[in-house]
PDB file of N, CA and C in Angstrom:
ATOM      1  N   MET A   1      90.818-100.075  -4.540  1.00  0.00           N
ATOM      2  CA  MET A   1      91.299-100.257  -5.988  1.00  0.00           C
ATOM      3  C   MET A   1      92.147 -98.946  -6.298  1.00  0.00           C
ATOM      4  N   ASN A   2      93.268 -99.218  -6.857  1.00  0.00           N
ATOM      5  CA  ASN A   2      94.107 -98.130  -7.306  1.00  0.00           C
ATOM      6  C   ASN A   2      93.719 -97.455  -8.581  1.00  0.00           C
ATOM      7  N   SER A   3      94.218 -96.621  -8.962  1.00  0.00           N
ATOM      8  CA  SER A   3      93.924 -95.867 -10.190  1.00  0.00           C
ATOM      9  C   SER A   3      94.005 -96.754 -11.456  1.00  0.00           C
ATOM     10  N   ASN A   4      95.163 -97.536 -11.555  1.00  0.00           N
ATOM     11  CA  ASN A   4      95.415 -98.456 -12.601  1.00  0.00           C
ATOM     12  C   ASN A   4      94.517 -99.494 -12.655  1.00  0.00           C
ATOM     13  N   GLN A   5      94.034-100.042 -11.396  1.00  0.00           N
ATOM     14  CA  GLN A   5      92.995-100.983 -11.441  1.00  0.00           C
ATOM     15  C   GLN A   5      91.686-100.517 -12.053  1.00  0.00           C
ATOM     16  N   HIS A   6      91.450 -99.341 -11.628  1.00  0.00           N
ATOM     17  CA  HIS A   6      90.161 -98.779 -11.927  1.00  0.00           C
ATOM     18  C   HIS A   6      90.149 -98.550 -13.367  1.00  0.00           C
ATOM     19  N   LYS A   7      91.253 -97.993 -13.919  1.00  0.00           N
ATOM     20  CA  LYS A   7      91.267 -97.671 -15.361  1.00  0.00           C
ATOM     21  C   LYS A   7      91.121 -99.088 -16.131  1.00  0.00           C
ATOM     22  N   THR A   8      91.867-100.062 -15.612  1.00  0.00           N
ATOM     23  CA  THR A   8      91.765-101.447 -16.416  1.00  0.00           C
ATOM     24  C   THR A   8      90.328-101.890 -16.398  1.00  0.00           C
ATOM     25  N   LEU A   9      89.759-101.829 -15.085  1.00  0.00           N
ATOM     26  CA  LEU A   9      88.218-102.220 -15.089  1.00  0.00           C
ATOM     27  C   LEU A   9      87.441-101.607 -16.058  1.00  0.00           C
ATOM     28  N   ASN A  10      87.636-100.226 -16.102  1.00  0.00           N
ATOM     29  CA  ASN A  10      86.668 -99.362 -16.954  1.00  0.00           C
ATOM     30  C   ASN A  10      86.816 -99.756 -18.381  1.00  0.00           C
ATOM     31  N   GLU A  11      88.203-100.028 -18.830  1.00  0.00           N
ATOM     32  CA  GLU A  11      88.491-100.464 -20.326  1.00  0.00           C
ATOM     33  C   GLU A  11      87.878-101.963 -20.526  1.00  0.00           C
ATOM     34  N   ALA A  12      88.104-102.666 -19.631  1.00  0.00           N
ATOM     35  CA  ALA A  12      87.618-104.185 -19.784  1.00  0.00           C
ATOM     36  C   ALA A  12      86.051-104.082 -19.779  1.00  0.00           C
ATOM     37  N   PHE A  13      85.325-103.340 -19.125  1.00  0.00           N
ATOM     38  CA  PHE A  13      83.905-103.292 -18.912  1.00  0.00           C
ATOM     39  C   PHE A  13      83.512-102.650 -20.414  1.00  0.00           C
ATOM     40  N   GLY A  14      84.231-101.570 -20.758  1.00  0.00           N
ATOM     41  CA  GLY A  14      83.759-100.885 -21.895  1.00  0.00           C
ATOM     42  C   GLY A  14      83.885-101.926 -23.143  1.00  0.00           C
ATOM     43  N   GLU A  15      85.165-102.705 -23.193  1.00  0.00           N
ATOM     44  CA  GLU A  15      85.287-103.665 -24.167  1.00  0.00           C
ATOM     45  C   GLU A  15      84.242-104.797 -24.256  1.00  0.00           C
ATOM     46  N   MET A  16      83.972-105.296 -23.113  1.00  0.00           N
ATOM     47  CA  MET A  16      83.030-106.204 -23.115  1.00  0.00           C
ATOM     48  C   MET A  16      81.609-105.675 -23.589  1.00  0.00           C
ATOM     49  N   LEU A  17      81.041-104.549 -23.111  1.00  0.00           N
ATOM     50  CA  LEU A  17      79.873-103.866 -23.487  1.00  0.00           C
ATOM     51  C   LEU A  17      79.930-103.777 -25.209  1.00  0.00           C
ATOM     52  N   HIS A  18      81.005-103.341 -25.691  1.00  0.00           N
ATOM     53  CA  HIS A  18      81.097-103.069 -27.089  1.00  0.00           C
ATOM     54  C   HIS A  18      80.865-104.360 -27.917  1.00  0.00           C
ATOM     55  N   VAL A  19      81.648-105.336 -27.457  1.00  0.00           N
ATOM     56  CA  VAL A  19      81.660-106.765 -28.041  1.00  0.00           C
ATOM     57  C   VAL A  19      80.261-107.275 -27.868  1.00  0.00           C
ATOM     58  N   SER A  20      79.773-107.361 -26.876  1.00  0.00           N
ATOM     59  CA  SER A  20      78.388-107.777 -26.703  1.00  0.00           C
ATOM     60  C   SER A  20      77.353-107.245 -27.651  1.00  0.00           C
ATOM     61  N   ARG A  21      77.379-105.753 -27.389  1.00  0.00           N
ATOM     62  CA  ARG A  21      76.400-104.888 -28.239  1.00  0.00           C
ATOM     63  C   ARG A  21      76.746-105.250 -29.788  1.00  0.00           C
ATOM     64  N   ILE A  22      77.683-105.442 -30.205  1.00  0.00           N
ATOM     65  CA  ILE A  22      78.020-105.767 -31.680  1.00  0.00           C
ATOM     66  C   ILE A  22      77.544-107.201 -31.927  1.00  0.00           C
ATOM     67  N   GLU A  23      77.734-108.070 -31.074  1.00  0.00           N
ATOM     68  CA  GLU A  23      77.337-109.419 -31.238  1.00  0.00           C
ATOM     69  C   GLU A  23      75.769-109.645 -31.397  1.00  0.00           C
ATOM     70  N   LYS A  24      75.076-108.716 -30.595  1.00  0.00           N
ATOM     71  CA  LYS A  24      73.572-108.685 -30.634  1.00  0.00           C
ATOM     72  C   LYS A  24      73.097-107.842 -31.641  1.00  0.00           C
ATOM     73  N   HIS A  25      73.838-107.248 -32.568  1.00  0.00           N
ATOM     74  CA  HIS A  25      73.399-106.155 -33.576  1.00  0.00           C
ATOM     75  C   HIS A  25      72.730-105.111 -32.936  1.00  0.00           C
ATOM     76  N   ILE A  26      73.116-104.539 -31.980  1.00  0.00           N
ATOM     77  CA  ILE A  26      72.347-103.396 -31.239  1.00  0.00           C
ATOM     78  C   ILE A  26      73.340-102.082 -31.553  1.00  0.00           C
ATOM     79  N   THR A  27      72.659-100.912 -31.995  1.00  0.00           N
ATOM     80  CA  THR A  27      73.428 -99.901 -32.089  1.00  0.00           C
ATOM     81  C   THR A  27      73.652 -99.206 -30.810  1.00  0.00           C
ATOM     82  N   GLN A  28      74.609 -98.171 -30.743  1.00  0.00           N
ATOM     83  CA  GLN A  28      74.973 -97.310 -29.659  1.00  0.00           C
ATOM     84  C   GLN A  28      73.657 -96.602 -29.153  1.00  0.00           C
ATOM     85  N   LYS A  29      72.967 -96.134 -30.271  1.00  0.00           N
ATOM     86  CA  LYS A  29      71.787 -95.288 -30.180  1.00  0.00           C
ATOM     87  C   LYS A  29      70.680 -96.155 -29.228  1.00  0.00           C
ATOM     88  N   ASN A  30      70.490 -97.328 -29.938  1.00  0.00           N
ATOM     89  CA  ASN A  30      69.552 -98.221 -29.205  1.00  0.00           C
ATOM     90  C   ASN A  30      70.039 -98.731 -27.790  1.00  0.00           C
ATOM     91  N   LEU A  31      71.118 -98.968 -27.591  1.00  0.00           N
ATOM     92  CA  LEU A  31      71.457 -99.404 -26.242  1.00  0.00           C
ATOM     93  C   LEU A  31      71.332 -98.141 -25.332  1.00  0.00           C
ATOM     94  N   SER A  32      71.749 -97.086 -25.768  1.00  0.00           N
ATOM     95  CA  SER A  32      71.740 -95.898 -24.888  1.00  0.00           C
ATOM     96  C   SER A  32      70.237 -95.441 -24.568  1.00  0.00           C
ATOM     97  N   GLU A  33      69.435 -95.789 -25.484  1.00  0.00           N
ATOM     98  CA  GLU A  33      67.905 -95.441 -25.135  1.00  0.00           C
ATOM     99  C   GLU A  33      67.359 -96.468 -24.233  1.00  0.00           C
ATOM    100  N   MET A  34      67.881 -97.733 -24.376  1.00  0.00           N
ATOM    101  CA  MET A  34      67.434 -98.940 -23.307  1.00  0.00           C
ATOM    102  C   MET A  34      67.965 -98.408 -21.900  1.00  0.00           C
ATOM    103  N   ALA A  35      69.135 -97.904 -21.916  1.00  0.00           N
ATOM    104  CA  ALA A  35      69.525 -97.659 -20.618  1.00  0.00           C
ATOM    105  C   ALA A  35      69.288 -96.166 -19.989  1.00  0.00           C
ATOM    106  N   GLY A  36      68.817 -95.435 -20.885  1.00  0.00           N
ATOM    107  CA  GLY A  36      68.346 -94.052 -20.370  1.00  0.00           C
ATOM    108  C   GLY A  36      69.537 -93.100 -20.297  1.00  0.00           C
ATOM    109  N   ILE A  37      70.436 -93.381 -21.194  1.00  0.00           N
ATOM    110  CA  ILE A  37      71.725 -92.431 -21.377  1.00  0.00           C
ATOM    111  C   ILE A  37      71.949 -92.041 -22.713  1.00  0.00           C
ATOM    112  N   SER A  38      72.793 -91.051 -22.808  1.00  0.00           N
ATOM    113  CA  SER A  38      72.987 -90.481 -24.181  1.00  0.00           C
ATOM    114  C   SER A  38      74.050 -91.481 -24.860  1.00  0.00           C
ATOM    115  N   ASP A  39      73.863 -91.371 -26.116  1.00  0.00           N
ATOM    116  CA  ASP A  39      74.777 -92.216 -26.952  1.00  0.00           C
ATOM    117  C   ASP A  39      76.328 -91.762 -26.616  1.00  0.00           C
ATOM    118  N   THR A  40      76.407 -90.476 -26.517  1.00  0.00           N
ATOM    119  CA  THR A  40      77.691 -89.818 -26.298  1.00  0.00           C
ATOM    120  C   THR A  40      78.308 -90.507 -24.785  1.00  0.00           C
ATOM    121  N   TYR A  41      77.555 -90.494 -23.904  1.00  0.00           N
ATOM    122  CA  TYR A  41      77.946 -91.239 -22.539  1.00  0.00           C
ATOM    123  C   TYR A  41      78.191 -92.634 -22.862  1.00  0.00           C
ATOM    124  N   LEU A  42      77.444 -93.359 -23.609  1.00  0.00           N
ATOM    125  CA  LEU A  42      77.694 -94.791 -23.771  1.00  0.00           C
ATOM    126  C   LEU A  42      79.006 -94.919 -24.526  1.00  0.00           C
ATOM    127  N   ARG A  43      79.158 -94.125 -25.551  1.00  0.00           N
ATOM    128  CA  ARG A  43      80.410 -94.169 -26.308  1.00  0.00           C
ATOM    129  C   ARG A  43      81.679 -94.079 -25.324  1.00  0.00           C
ATOM    130  N   ASN A  44      81.735 -93.060 -24.609  1.00  0.00           N
ATOM    131  CA  ASN A  44      82.729 -92.930 -23.398  1.00  0.00           C
ATOM    132  C   ASN A  44      82.914 -93.939 -22.441  1.00  0.00           C
ATOM    133  N   VAL A  45      81.613 -94.735 -22.083  1.00  0.00           N
ATOM    134  CA  VAL A  45      81.727 -95.950 -21.275  1.00  0.00           C
ATOM    135  C   VAL A  45      82.426 -97.082 -22.006  1.00  0.00           C
ATOM    136  N   GLU A  46      82.189 -97.132 -23.241  1.00  0.00           N
ATOM    137  CA  GLU A  46      82.639 -98.348 -24.069  1.00  0.00           C
ATOM    138  C   GLU A  46      83.960 -98.042 -24.335  1.00  0.00           C
ATOM    139  N   ASN A  47      84.745 -96.624 -24.486  1.00  0.00           N
ATOM    140  CA  ASN A  47      85.933 -96.438 -24.654  1.00  0.00           C
ATOM    141  C   ASN A  47      86.738 -96.491 -23.380  1.00  0.00           C
ATOM    142  N   GLY A  48      86.151 -96.595 -22.105  1.00  0.00           N
ATOM    143  CA  GLY A  48      86.720 -96.651 -21.052  1.00  0.00           C
ATOM    144  C   GLY A  48      87.067 -95.389 -20.333  1.00  0.00           C
ATOM    145  N   TYR A  49      86.389 -94.334 -20.983  1.00  0.00           N
ATOM    146  CA  TYR A  49      86.679 -92.793 -20.485  1.00  0.00           C
ATOM    147  C   TYR A  49      85.827 -92.529 -19.175  1.00  0.00           C
ATOM    148  N   HIS A  50      84.839 -93.076 -19.126  1.00  0.00           N
ATOM    149  CA  HIS A  50      83.792 -92.828 -18.043  1.00  0.00           C
ATOM    150  C   HIS A  50      83.566 -94.220 -17.284  1.00  0.00           C
ATOM    151  N   THR A  51      83.294 -93.975 -15.961  1.00  0.00           N
ATOM    152  CA  THR A  51      82.721 -95.204 -15.148  1.00  0.00           C
ATOM    153  C   THR A  51      81.287 -95.024 -15.084  1.00  0.00           C
ATOM    154  N   ALA A  52      80.707 -96.002 -15.413  1.00  0.00           N
ATOM    155  CA  ALA A  52      79.080 -96.126 -15.295  1.00  0.00           C
ATOM    156  C   ALA A  52      78.688 -96.256 -13.875  1.00  0.00           C
ATOM    157  N   THR A  53      77.740 -95.581 -13.595  1.00  0.00           N
ATOM    158  CA  THR A  53      77.170 -95.819 -12.084  1.00  0.00           C
ATOM    159  C   THR A  53      76.649 -97.178 -11.998  1.00  0.00           C
ATOM    160  N   TRP A  54      76.358 -97.732 -10.952  1.00  0.00           N
ATOM    161  CA  TRP A  54      75.884 -98.979 -10.551  1.00  0.00           C
ATOM    162  C   TRP A  54      74.666 -99.151 -11.240  1.00  0.00           C
ATOM    163  N   VAL A  55      73.761 -98.469 -11.283  1.00  0.00           N
ATOM    164  CA  VAL A  55      72.346 -98.408 -11.773  1.00  0.00           C
ATOM    165  C   VAL A  55      72.591 -98.498 -13.387  1.00  0.00           C
ATOM    166  N   ILE A  56      73.411 -97.592 -13.976  1.00  0.00           N
ATOM    167  CA  ILE A  56      73.365 -97.673 -15.410  1.00  0.00           C
ATOM    168  C   ILE A  56      74.411 -99.016 -15.847  1.00  0.00           C
ATOM    169  N   TRP A  57      75.214 -99.387 -15.024  1.00  0.00           N
ATOM    170  CA  TRP A  57      75.902-100.801 -15.278  1.00  0.00           C
ATOM    171  C   TRP A  57      74.966-101.786 -15.284  1.00  0.00           C
ATOM    172  N   LEU A  58      74.093-101.825 -14.380  1.00  0.00           N
ATOM    173  CA  LEU A  58      73.104-103.041 -14.460  1.00  0.00           C
ATOM    174  C   LEU A  58      72.156-102.713 -15.561  1.00  0.00           C
ATOM    175  N   LYS A  59      71.788-101.609 -15.826  1.00  0.00           N
ATOM    176  CA  LYS A  59      70.729-101.447 -17.056  1.00  0.00           C
ATOM    177  C   LYS A  59      71.476-101.959 -18.374  1.00  0.00           C
ATOM    178  N   LEU A  60      72.796-101.612 -18.573  1.00  0.00           N
ATOM    179  CA  LEU A  60      73.447-101.936 -19.736  1.00  0.00           C
ATOM    180  C   LEU A  60      73.721-103.623 -19.810  1.00  0.00           C
ATOM    181  N   CYS A  61      73.911-104.167 -18.656  1.00  0.00           N
ATOM    182  CA  CYS A  61      74.032-105.644 -18.705  1.00  0.00           C
ATOM    183  C   CYS A  61      72.769-106.281 -18.849  1.00  0.00           C
ATOM    184  N   THR A  62      71.713-105.879 -18.232  1.00  0.00           N
ATOM    185  CA  THR A  62      70.655-106.475 -18.409  1.00  0.00           C
ATOM    186  C   THR A  62      69.938-106.405 -19.857  1.00  0.00           C
ATOM    187  N   ALA A  63      70.324-105.035 -20.284  1.00  0.00           N
ATOM    188  CA  ALA A  63      69.797-104.844 -21.962  1.00  0.00           C
ATOM    189  C   ALA A  63      70.608-105.642 -22.796  1.00  0.00           C
ATOM    190  N   LEU A  64      71.918-106.056 -22.358  1.00  0.00           N
ATOM    191  CA  LEU A  64      72.680-107.040 -23.345  1.00  0.00           C
ATOM    192  C   LEU A  64      72.730-108.477 -22.880  1.00  0.00           C
ATOM    193  N   GLU A  65      71.888-108.833 -21.796  1.00  0.00           N
ATOM    194  CA  GLU A  65      71.910-110.130 -21.225  1.00  0.00           C
ATOM    195  C   GLU A  65      73.203-110.570 -20.810  1.00  0.00           C
ATOM    196  N   ILE A  66      73.881-109.746 -19.943  1.00  0.00           N
ATOM    197  CA  ILE A  66      75.258-110.076 -19.638  1.00  0.00           C
ATOM    198  C   ILE A  66      75.035-110.720 -18.241  1.00  0.00           C
ATOM    199  N   ASP A  67      75.777-111.751 -17.884  1.00  0.00           N
ATOM    200  CA  ASP A  67      75.724-112.421 -16.614  1.00  0.00           C
ATOM    201  C   ASP A  67      76.506-111.595 -15.551  1.00  0.00           C
ATOM    202  N   VAL A  68      75.717-110.941 -14.784  1.00  0.00           N
ATOM    203  CA  VAL A  68      76.312-109.977 -13.787  1.00  0.00           C
ATOM    204  C   VAL A  68      77.300-110.562 -12.704  1.00  0.00           C
ATOM    205  N   PRO A  69      76.732-111.903 -12.046  1.00  0.00           N
ATOM    206  CA  PRO A  69      77.510-112.598 -11.209  1.00  0.00           C
ATOM    207  C   PRO A  69      78.860-112.990 -11.803  1.00  0.00           C
ATOM    208  N   ALA A  70      78.819-113.470 -13.174  1.00  0.00           N
ATOM    209  CA  ALA A  70      80.166-113.886 -13.798  1.00  0.00           C
ATOM    210  C   ALA A  70      80.980-112.684 -13.887  1.00  0.00           C
ATOM    211  N   LEU A  71      80.545-111.569 -13.986  1.00  0.00           N
ATOM    212  CA  LEU A  71      81.355-110.358 -14.097  1.00  0.00           C
ATOM    213  C   LEU A  71      82.058-110.027 -12.681  1.00  0.00           C
ATOM    214  N   GLN A  72      81.170-110.266 -11.725  1.00  0.00           N
ATOM    215  CA  GLN A  72      81.728-109.961 -10.284  1.00  0.00           C
ATOM    216  C   GLN A  72      82.706-110.944 -10.026  1.00  0.00           C
ATOM    217  N   GLN A  73      82.554-112.177 -10.236  1.00  0.00           N
ATOM    218  CA  GLN A  73      83.576-113.229 -10.105  1.00  0.00           C
ATOM    219  C   GLN A  73      84.788-113.048 -10.710  1.00  0.00           C
ATOM    220  N   LYS A  74      84.720-112.517 -12.029  1.00  0.00           N
ATOM    221  CA  LYS A  74      85.958-112.175 -12.844  1.00  0.00           C
ATOM    222  C   LYS A  74      86.747-110.796 -12.245  1.00  0.00           C
ATOM    223  N   TYR A  75      85.980-109.878 -12.025  1.00  0.00           N
ATOM    224  CA  TYR A  75      86.532-108.664 -11.831  1.00  0.00           C
ATOM    225  C   TYR A  75      86.566-108.022 -10.357  1.00  0.00           C
ATOM    226  N   ILE A  76      85.595-108.471  -9.603  1.00  0.00           N
ATOM    227  CA  ILE A  76      85.500-107.921  -8.334  1.00  0.00           C
ATOM    228  C   ILE A  76      85.879-108.770  -7.081  1.00  0.00           C
ATOM    229  N   LYS A  77      85.567-110.213  -7.286  1.00  0.00           N
ATOM    230  CA  LYS A  77      85.793-111.017  -6.234  1.00  0.00           C
ATOM    231  C   LYS A  77      87.265-111.266  -5.978  1.00  0.00           C
ATOM    232  N   PRO A  78      88.157-111.552  -7.052  1.00  0.00           N
ATOM    233  CA  PRO A  78      89.675-111.457  -6.762  1.00  0.00           C
ATOM    234  C   PRO A  78      90.197-110.462  -5.885  1.00  0.00           C
ATOM    235  N   GLU A  79      89.684-109.217  -6.039  1.00  0.00           N
ATOM    236  CA  GLU A  79      90.135-108.213  -5.307  1.00  0.00           C
ATOM    237  C   GLU A  79      89.740-108.282  -3.810  1.00  0.00           C
ATOM    238  N   LEU A  80      88.458-108.663  -3.617  1.00  0.00           N
ATOM    239  CA  LEU A  80      88.008-108.963  -2.148  1.00  0.00           C
ATOM    240  C   LEU A  80      88.604-109.972  -1.600  1.00  0.00           C
ATOM    241  N   ASP A  81      89.087-111.071  -2.281  1.00  0.00           N
ATOM    242  CA  ASP A  81      89.887-112.049  -1.785  1.00  0.00           C
ATOM    243  C   ASP A  81      91.209-111.685  -1.224  1.00  0.00           C
ATOM    244  N   ASP A  82      92.004-110.829  -2.096  1.00  0.00           N
ATOM    245  CA  ASP A  82      93.198-110.334  -1.860  1.00  0.00           C
ATOM    246  C   ASP A  82      93.094-109.383  -0.529  1.00  0.00           C
ATOM    247  N   CYS A  83      92.009-108.694  -0.471  1.00  0.00           N
ATOM    248  CA  CYS A  83      91.965-107.876   0.876  1.00  0.00           C
ATOM    249  C   CYS A  83      91.811-108.612   2.130  1.00  0.00           C
ATOM    250  N   ARG A  84      91.188-109.798   1.958  1.00  0.00           N
ATOM    251  CA  ARG A  84      90.706-110.551   3.089  1.00  0.00           C
ATOM    252  C   ARG A  84      92.123-111.490   3.358  1.00  0.00           C
ATOM    253  N   ASN A  85      92.961-111.638   2.504  1.00  0.00           N
ATOM    254  CA  ASN A  85      94.253-112.362   2.794  1.00  0.00           C
ATOM    255  C   ASN A  85      95.175-111.535   3.451  1.00  0.00           C
ATOM    256  N   LYS A  86      95.034-110.156   3.604  1.00  0.00           N
ATOM    257  CA  LYS A  86      96.123-109.424   4.185  1.00  0.00           C
ATOM    258  C   LYS A  86      96.069-109.235   5.701  1.00  0.00           C
TER     259      LYS A  86
END
């Protein structure tokens, strides 16, 4: 994954987190407590400035009831398929 793809994925994940959090009426403070991270860190993830670790990523998705396999299909599987076709 090149740096542009990485940035795009960070921004897409952050936007998805933000939208899901708002739809569920969960504050950044509440979600950050559920995931065991600071609200500042969550804000930076939502804005695409930081990449969440896999564990934090899963905690955030679980707290927001986000379908992880669907995310993998949308963002990760296409890239794996591209690698296999080379």
